[in-house]
Amino acid sequence: MVLNISAVLLFGAASALAVRTKSARGGAALALFLFGFFVAGTGAYEPIHNLVQASADALSTLGK
């Protein structure tokens, strides 16, 4: 079974959880950064998007 989730939805949920739990660690900071980045769609979108896509592809091949 394949499940597709939007990056904005995923990082938005992670950001909401981080704010709700008042987490201030590295993972929460990364989730907040990526959520803001994907929402804003700045000029740095392409390299960061490629990095996130490559990481997702690498994680998906681990389960095979």
N, C-alpha and C. Protein backbone atom coordinates (compact mmCIF):
# COMPACT_ATOMS: atom_id res chain seq x y z
N MET A 1 0.84 -1.17 0.00
CA MET A 1 0.00 0.00 0.00
C MET A 1 0.89 1.25 0.00
N VAL A 2 0.61 2.17 -0.90
CA VAL A 2 1.38 3.40 -1.02
C VAL A 2 0.56 4.56 -0.49
N LEU A 3 1.19 5.37 0.34
CA LEU A 3 0.51 6.52 0.93
C LEU A 3 1.29 7.77 0.57
N ASN A 4 0.65 8.71 -0.11
CA ASN A 4 1.29 9.98 -0.47
C ASN A 4 0.77 11.08 0.44
N ILE A 5 1.71 11.82 1.03
CA ILE A 5 1.37 12.92 1.92
C ILE A 5 2.11 14.16 1.43
N SER A 6 1.42 15.27 1.34
CA SER A 6 2.03 16.53 0.95
C SER A 6 3.08 16.93 1.98
N ALA A 7 4.20 17.47 1.50
CA ALA A 7 5.26 17.92 2.41
C ALA A 7 4.75 19.05 3.30
N VAL A 8 3.93 19.93 2.75
CA VAL A 8 3.39 21.03 3.55
C VAL A 8 2.50 20.48 4.66
N LEU A 9 1.68 19.49 4.35
CA LEU A 9 0.82 18.88 5.36
C LEU A 9 1.65 18.17 6.43
N LEU A 10 2.65 17.43 6.00
CA LEU A 10 3.50 16.68 6.93
C LEU A 10 4.26 17.62 7.87
N PHE A 11 4.94 18.63 7.30
CA PHE A 11 5.71 19.55 8.13
C PHE A 11 4.80 20.48 8.92
N GLY A 12 3.61 20.76 8.41
CA GLY A 12 2.65 21.55 9.16
C GLY A 12 2.20 20.83 10.41
N ALA A 13 1.93 19.54 10.28
CA ALA A 13 1.53 18.75 11.44
C ALA A 13 2.68 18.64 12.45
N ALA A 14 3.89 18.44 11.94
CA ALA A 14 5.05 18.37 12.83
C ALA A 14 5.29 19.70 13.53
N SER A 15 5.09 20.80 12.82
CA SER A 15 5.25 22.12 13.41
C SER A 15 4.20 22.38 14.49
N ALA A 16 2.96 22.01 14.20
CA ALA A 16 1.89 22.19 15.18
C ALA A 16 2.18 21.38 16.44
N LEU A 17 2.66 20.17 16.28
CA LEU A 17 3.00 19.33 17.42
C LEU A 17 4.16 19.94 18.21
N ALA A 18 5.16 20.45 17.51
CA ALA A 18 6.31 21.05 18.19
C ALA A 18 5.90 22.29 18.98
N VAL A 19 5.03 23.11 18.41
CA VAL A 19 4.58 24.31 19.12
C VAL A 19 3.70 23.93 20.30
N ARG A 20 2.83 22.94 20.10
CA ARG A 20 1.92 22.53 21.17
C ARG A 20 2.67 21.94 22.36
N THR A 21 3.72 21.17 22.10
CA THR A 21 4.48 20.55 23.18
C THR A 21 5.62 21.44 23.68
N LYS A 22 5.77 22.62 23.06
CA LYS A 22 6.82 23.57 23.42
C LYS A 22 8.21 22.93 23.33
N SER A 23 8.39 22.15 22.29
CA SER A 23 9.66 21.48 22.06
C SER A 23 10.65 22.46 21.45
N ALA A 24 11.88 22.45 21.92
CA ALA A 24 12.89 23.38 21.41
C ALA A 24 14.14 22.64 20.97
N ARG A 25 14.01 21.43 20.52
CA ARG A 25 15.16 20.64 20.11
C ARG A 25 15.40 20.77 18.62
N GLY A 26 16.44 20.11 18.14
CA GLY A 26 16.84 20.20 16.74
C GLY A 26 15.79 19.70 15.77
N GLY A 27 15.12 18.61 16.10
CA GLY A 27 14.09 18.06 15.21
C GLY A 27 12.93 19.02 15.02
N ALA A 28 12.52 19.67 16.10
CA ALA A 28 11.43 20.64 16.02
C ALA A 28 11.86 21.85 15.20
N ALA A 29 13.09 22.29 15.38
CA ALA A 29 13.59 23.42 14.61
C ALA A 29 13.64 23.08 13.13
N LEU A 30 14.07 21.88 12.80
CA LEU A 30 14.11 21.45 11.41
C LEU A 30 12.72 21.37 10.80
N ALA A 31 11.76 20.83 11.55
CA ALA A 31 10.38 20.75 11.05
C ALA A 31 9.80 22.13 10.80
N LEU A 32 10.05 23.07 11.71
CA LEU A 32 9.56 24.43 11.55
C LEU A 32 10.22 25.12 10.35
N PHE A 33 11.52 24.90 10.18
CA PHE A 33 12.23 25.48 9.04
C PHE A 33 11.68 24.92 7.73
N LEU A 34 11.53 23.62 7.65
CA LEU A 34 11.05 23.01 6.41
C LEU A 34 9.61 23.40 6.11
N PHE A 35 8.78 23.52 7.14
CA PHE A 35 7.40 23.95 6.92
C PHE A 35 7.38 25.37 6.35
N GLY A 36 8.12 26.25 6.95
CA GLY A 36 8.20 27.63 6.45
C GLY A 36 8.77 27.69 5.06
N PHE A 37 9.77 26.87 4.80
CA PHE A 37 10.39 26.84 3.49
C PHE A 37 9.42 26.37 2.41
N PHE A 38 8.73 25.27 2.67
CA PHE A 38 7.81 24.74 1.66
C PHE A 38 6.61 25.67 1.45
N VAL A 39 6.19 26.36 2.48
CA VAL A 39 5.08 27.30 2.34
C VAL A 39 5.52 28.53 1.54
N ALA A 40 6.70 29.03 1.83
CA ALA A 40 7.17 30.25 1.19
C ALA A 40 7.57 30.04 -0.27
N GLY A 41 8.20 28.92 -0.57
CA GLY A 41 8.63 28.65 -1.94
C GLY A 41 9.65 29.67 -2.43
N THR A 42 10.71 29.89 -1.65
CA THR A 42 11.73 30.88 -1.99
C THR A 42 12.60 30.41 -3.14
N GLY A 43 13.60 31.22 -3.47
CA GLY A 43 14.53 30.87 -4.54
C GLY A 43 15.39 29.66 -4.19
N ALA A 44 15.51 29.35 -2.91
CA ALA A 44 16.27 28.17 -2.48
C ALA A 44 15.42 26.91 -2.51
N TYR A 45 14.23 27.02 -3.06
CA TYR A 45 13.29 25.89 -3.06
C TYR A 45 13.87 24.66 -3.75
N GLU A 46 14.43 24.85 -4.93
CA GLU A 46 14.88 23.71 -5.74
C GLU A 46 15.96 22.87 -5.05
N PRO A 47 17.07 23.44 -4.53
CA PRO A 47 18.08 22.60 -3.89
C PRO A 47 17.57 21.91 -2.62
N ILE A 48 16.79 22.62 -1.82
CA ILE A 48 16.29 22.01 -0.59
C ILE A 48 15.25 20.95 -0.92
N HIS A 49 14.41 21.21 -1.91
CA HIS A 49 13.42 20.22 -2.34
C HIS A 49 14.11 18.96 -2.84
N ASN A 50 15.18 19.12 -3.62
CA ASN A 50 15.92 17.96 -4.12
C ASN A 50 16.54 17.17 -2.97
N LEU A 51 17.03 17.86 -1.95
CA LEU A 51 17.61 17.18 -0.79
C LEU A 51 16.55 16.39 -0.04
N VAL A 52 15.38 17.00 0.18
CA VAL A 52 14.29 16.31 0.88
C VAL A 52 13.80 15.12 0.05
N GLN A 53 13.69 15.31 -1.27
CA GLN A 53 13.24 14.23 -2.15
C GLN A 53 14.23 13.07 -2.14
N ALA A 54 15.53 13.37 -2.19
CA ALA A 54 16.55 12.33 -2.15
C ALA A 54 16.51 11.58 -0.82
N SER A 55 16.29 12.32 0.28
CA SER A 55 16.19 11.67 1.59
C SER A 55 14.97 10.76 1.66
N ALA A 56 13.85 11.22 1.13
CA ALA A 56 12.63 10.40 1.12
C ALA A 56 12.83 9.16 0.26
N ASP A 57 13.49 9.31 -0.88
CA ASP A 57 13.76 8.16 -1.74
C ASP A 57 14.67 7.15 -1.06
N ALA A 58 15.68 7.66 -0.36
CA ALA A 58 16.61 6.78 0.35
C ALA A 58 15.89 6.02 1.47
N LEU A 59 15.02 6.70 2.19
CA LEU A 59 14.28 6.03 3.27
C LEU A 59 13.30 4.99 2.71
N SER A 60 12.73 5.29 1.55
CA SER A 60 11.78 4.34 0.97
C SER A 60 12.46 3.07 0.48
N THR A 61 13.72 3.18 0.05
CA THR A 61 14.44 1.99 -0.41
C THR A 61 14.92 1.13 0.76
N LEU A 62 15.00 1.69 1.96
CA LEU A 62 15.42 0.90 3.12
C LEU A 62 14.40 -0.17 3.46
N GLY A 63 13.13 0.09 3.19
CA GLY A 63 12.08 -0.85 3.54
C GLY A 63 11.90 -1.97 2.54
N LYS A 64 12.63 -1.94 1.44
CA LYS A 64 12.45 -2.97 0.40
C LYS A 64 13.34 -4.14 0.61
